[in-house]
Protein backbone atom coordinates (compact mmCIF):
# COMPACT_ATOMS: atom_id res chain seq x y z
CA MET A 1 -44.69 -54.95 1.35
CA LYS A 2 -41.56 -54.61 3.47
CA LYS A 3 -40.89 -58.35 2.99
CA PHE A 4 -40.92 -57.99 -0.84
CA PHE A 5 -38.59 -54.97 -0.95
CA PRO A 6 -35.37 -56.86 -0.23
CA ILE A 7 -36.37 -59.50 -2.84
CA ILE A 8 -37.07 -56.82 -5.52
CA ALA A 9 -33.85 -54.96 -4.68
CA PHE A 10 -31.86 -58.16 -4.98
CA GLY A 11 -33.55 -58.93 -8.35
CA VAL A 12 -32.72 -55.46 -9.72
CA LEU A 13 -29.07 -55.68 -8.57
CA ALA A 14 -28.64 -59.11 -10.02
CA ALA A 15 -30.12 -57.98 -13.34
CA CYS A 16 -27.85 -54.95 -13.54
CA GLY A 17 -24.79 -56.97 -12.71
CA SER A 18 -25.46 -59.57 -15.35
CA GLU A 19 -25.48 -56.95 -18.16
CA ASP A 20 -21.91 -55.82 -17.37
CA LYS A 21 -20.33 -59.24 -17.90
CA PRO A 22 -21.27 -59.74 -21.58
CA ALA A 23 -20.05 -56.20 -22.37
CA GLU A 24 -16.69 -56.92 -20.72
CA GLU A 25 -16.45 -60.25 -22.51
CA ALA A 26 -17.26 -58.58 -25.82
CA LYS A 27 -14.37 -56.10 -25.30
CA LYS A 28 -11.95 -59.00 -24.72
CA ASP A 29 -13.01 -60.66 -28.04
CA LEU A 30 -12.24 -57.59 -30.22
CA PRO A 31 -9.27 -58.17 -32.45
CA LEU A 32 -6.20 -55.91 -32.26
CA SER A 33 -6.15 -53.29 -34.93
CA GLN A 34 -4.09 -54.06 -37.93
CA SER A 35 -2.69 -51.76 -40.58
CA GLN A 36 -4.07 -51.90 -44.10
CA ASN A 37 -0.44 -51.68 -45.34
CA THR A 38 2.56 -53.87 -44.64
CA HIS A 39 4.96 -53.35 -41.76
CA ALA A 40 7.85 -52.59 -44.13
CA PHE A 41 5.81 -49.92 -45.97
CA ASN A 42 4.71 -48.34 -42.72
CA ASN A 43 8.33 -48.17 -41.52
CA GLN A 44 9.55 -46.58 -44.78
CA PHE A 45 6.64 -44.14 -44.92
CA GLY A 46 7.23 -43.17 -41.27
CA ILE A 47 10.79 -42.25 -42.16
CA LEU A 48 9.61 -40.22 -45.15
CA LEU A 49 7.14 -38.38 -42.94
CA ALA A 50 9.73 -37.81 -40.22
CA ASN A 51 12.12 -36.22 -42.78
CA TYR A 52 9.30 -34.05 -44.05
CA TYR A 53 8.71 -32.89 -40.42
CA HIS A 54 12.51 -32.21 -40.07
CA LEU A 55 12.25 -29.96 -43.23
CA LYS A 56 9.27 -28.16 -41.74
CA ASP A 57 11.11 -27.63 -38.46
CA ALA A 58 14.15 -26.27 -40.32
CA LEU A 59 11.94 -23.71 -42.02
CA VAL A 60 10.29 -22.84 -38.69
CA LEU A 61 13.84 -22.11 -37.43
CA SER A 62 14.71 -20.31 -40.70
CA ASN A 63 17.80 -22.59 -40.85
CA ASP A 64 18.89 -22.70 -44.49
CA THR A 65 21.51 -25.40 -44.09
CA MET A 66 19.24 -27.70 -42.09
CA ALA A 67 16.47 -27.22 -44.64
CA THR A 68 18.78 -28.22 -47.50
CA THR A 69 19.93 -31.31 -45.66
CA SER A 70 16.35 -32.30 -44.79
CA ALA A 71 15.30 -31.81 -48.39
CA GLN A 72 18.14 -34.08 -49.65
CA ARG A 73 17.02 -36.78 -47.21
CA LEU A 74 13.42 -36.34 -48.37
CA VAL A 75 14.48 -36.82 -51.98
CA LYS A 76 16.24 -40.11 -51.03
CA ASP A 77 13.24 -41.36 -49.10
CA ALA A 78 10.70 -40.41 -51.76
CA ASP A 79 12.78 -42.12 -54.51
CA SER A 80 13.22 -45.31 -52.53
CA LEU A 81 9.75 -45.75 -51.03
CA ASN A 82 8.50 -49.16 -52.01
CA LEU A 83 4.81 -48.96 -52.68
CA GLU A 84 4.39 -52.74 -53.01
CA GLY A 85 3.36 -52.73 -49.40
CA VAL A 86 0.31 -50.53 -50.04
CA LYS A 87 -2.81 -52.64 -50.04
CA ALA A 88 -4.85 -50.72 -52.62
CA ASP A 89 -6.05 -50.82 -56.20
CA PRO A 90 -3.20 -50.40 -58.81
CA SER A 91 -4.58 -47.06 -59.91
CA ILE A 92 -4.26 -45.78 -56.37
CA VAL A 93 -0.61 -47.01 -56.26
CA GLU A 94 0.05 -45.20 -59.56
CA MET A 95 -1.43 -41.99 -58.13
CA ALA A 96 0.86 -42.36 -55.06
CA LYS A 97 3.82 -42.81 -57.40
CA GLY A 98 2.97 -39.48 -59.11
CA TYR A 99 2.87 -37.69 -55.68
CA LEU A 100 6.24 -39.22 -54.80
CA ARG A 101 7.80 -38.00 -58.06
CA SER A 102 6.50 -34.50 -57.42
CA ILE A 103 7.81 -34.52 -53.83
CA SER A 104 11.17 -35.69 -54.94
CA ALA A 105 11.45 -33.18 -57.78
CA GLU A 106 10.35 -30.27 -55.55
CA ALA A 107 12.70 -31.30 -52.75
CA LYS A 108 15.58 -31.36 -55.24
CA ALA A 109 14.60 -27.87 -56.33
CA LEU A 110 14.35 -26.76 -52.70
CA SER A 111 17.81 -28.01 -51.89
CA GLY A 112 19.22 -25.99 -54.82
CA GLU A 113 17.63 -22.71 -53.77
CA ASN A 114 19.83 -20.18 -52.00
CA ASP A 115 17.04 -18.03 -50.59
CA ILE A 116 15.02 -19.21 -47.60
CA GLU A 117 11.85 -17.64 -49.07
CA ALA A 118 12.33 -19.64 -52.25
CA LYS A 119 12.74 -22.75 -50.17
CA ARG A 120 9.45 -22.02 -48.43
CA LYS A 121 7.66 -21.76 -51.77
CA SER A 122 8.99 -25.23 -52.76
CA PHE A 123 8.00 -26.45 -49.33
CA GLN A 124 4.43 -25.41 -50.04
CA MET A 125 4.30 -27.65 -53.14
CA ILE A 126 5.87 -30.53 -51.22
CA SER A 127 3.31 -30.13 -48.43
CA ASP A 128 0.40 -30.22 -50.91
CA ASN A 129 1.68 -33.47 -52.36
CA MET A 130 2.47 -35.00 -48.97
CA TYR A 131 -1.10 -34.31 -47.83
CA ASP A 132 -2.47 -36.02 -50.93
CA LEU A 133 -0.01 -38.91 -50.50
CA VAL A 134 -0.95 -39.50 -46.89
CA ARG A 135 -4.63 -39.68 -47.78
CA THR A 136 -3.96 -41.79 -50.88
CA VAL A 137 -2.00 -44.54 -49.17
CA HIS A 138 -4.07 -44.38 -45.98
CA TYR A 139 -1.10 -44.13 -43.70
CA ASP A 140 -2.49 -45.43 -40.37
CA GLN A 141 0.32 -45.30 -37.91
CA ALA A 142 -0.29 -41.78 -36.56
CA THR A 143 -2.46 -38.75 -36.76
CA VAL A 144 -1.24 -36.16 -39.28
CA TYR A 145 -2.46 -32.63 -38.88
CA HIS A 146 -3.11 -30.41 -41.95
CA GLN A 147 -2.46 -26.85 -40.97
CA PHE A 148 -3.02 -23.53 -42.76
CA CYS A 149 -1.60 -20.01 -42.68
CA PRO A 150 -3.96 -17.50 -44.44
CA MET A 151 -1.25 -14.83 -44.57
CA ALA A 152 1.53 -16.87 -46.41
CA PHE A 153 2.67 -15.63 -49.76
CA ASP A 154 0.97 -12.22 -49.76
CA ASP A 155 -2.27 -13.58 -48.28
CA ALA A 156 -2.61 -16.41 -50.84
CA GLY A 157 -2.29 -18.86 -47.94
CA ALA A 158 -0.38 -22.09 -47.66
CA TYR A 159 -0.75 -25.51 -45.97
CA TRP A 160 1.70 -27.78 -44.24
CA LEU A 161 1.55 -31.02 -42.24
CA SER A 162 2.44 -31.55 -38.59
CA GLN A 163 2.70 -34.38 -36.15
CA SER A 164 1.07 -32.12 -33.53
CA SER A 165 -1.90 -29.88 -33.40
CA ASP A 166 0.37 -27.06 -32.05
CA ILE A 167 0.93 -24.36 -34.71
CA LYS A 168 4.55 -23.74 -35.68
CA ASN A 169 4.44 -21.85 -38.94
CA PRO A 170 7.15 -22.82 -41.40
CA TYR A 171 6.29 -19.89 -43.75
CA TYR A 172 7.08 -17.09 -41.23
CA GLY A 173 9.29 -18.78 -38.70
CA LYS A 174 9.86 -16.54 -35.64
CA LYS A 175 8.17 -13.58 -37.27
CA MET A 176 4.71 -15.14 -36.77
CA LEU A 177 5.37 -18.54 -35.26
CA SER A 178 1.79 -19.27 -34.20
CA CYS A 179 -0.05 -17.82 -37.20
CA GLY A 180 -2.32 -20.55 -38.60
CA GLU A 181 -4.91 -23.13 -37.70
CA VAL A 182 -5.59 -26.88 -37.95
CA LYS A 183 -7.80 -27.45 -40.98
CA ASP A 184 -7.86 -31.25 -40.90
CA SER A 185 -6.59 -34.21 -38.90
CA ILE A 186 -5.91 -37.37 -40.84
CA ASP A 187 -6.27 -40.45 -38.77
CA PHE A 188 -6.75 -43.78 -40.53
CA ARG A 189 -6.00 -45.91 -37.42
CA ALA A 190 -8.69 -48.40 -36.52
CA LYS A 191 -10.81 -47.24 -33.65
């Protein structure tokens, strides 16, 4: 029996080692993930999203001037976003155009408001449309967090988007900076 033990042990080790090699080779053969949308669209959309985040940050800081400037950039980006790079059904592209028109119109209204609370109300509508837009075009370059404050606007609640899961509430600023929670994370990147 002692003579067979080394042979059996060698056979078991050889069998275990042979299973790892195909798994490693299979990993090497996987293609790199590619976006559903064109590179040009992803760049433009990334800029639109970045300017939305700047607007959110301005409201977190309760900075009226910065919010107005960010809203004006958002109008420009929404009006110039080329949806030809979205690889989707034409009805989906039309839906995205509608969201962009709403974002642009509300950002124009926000930049014309003199009161920070009125700006926050417009931001709520921009945020709702941005959420729908991100999901419609399947933006797949980053995770977008959908966050919610249940106390905003006299307990009616309001959503916003963030590039981080950390809560920085644009509806209350410093008054209640961390009031809210992540309700959804949108991540269309290939796994």
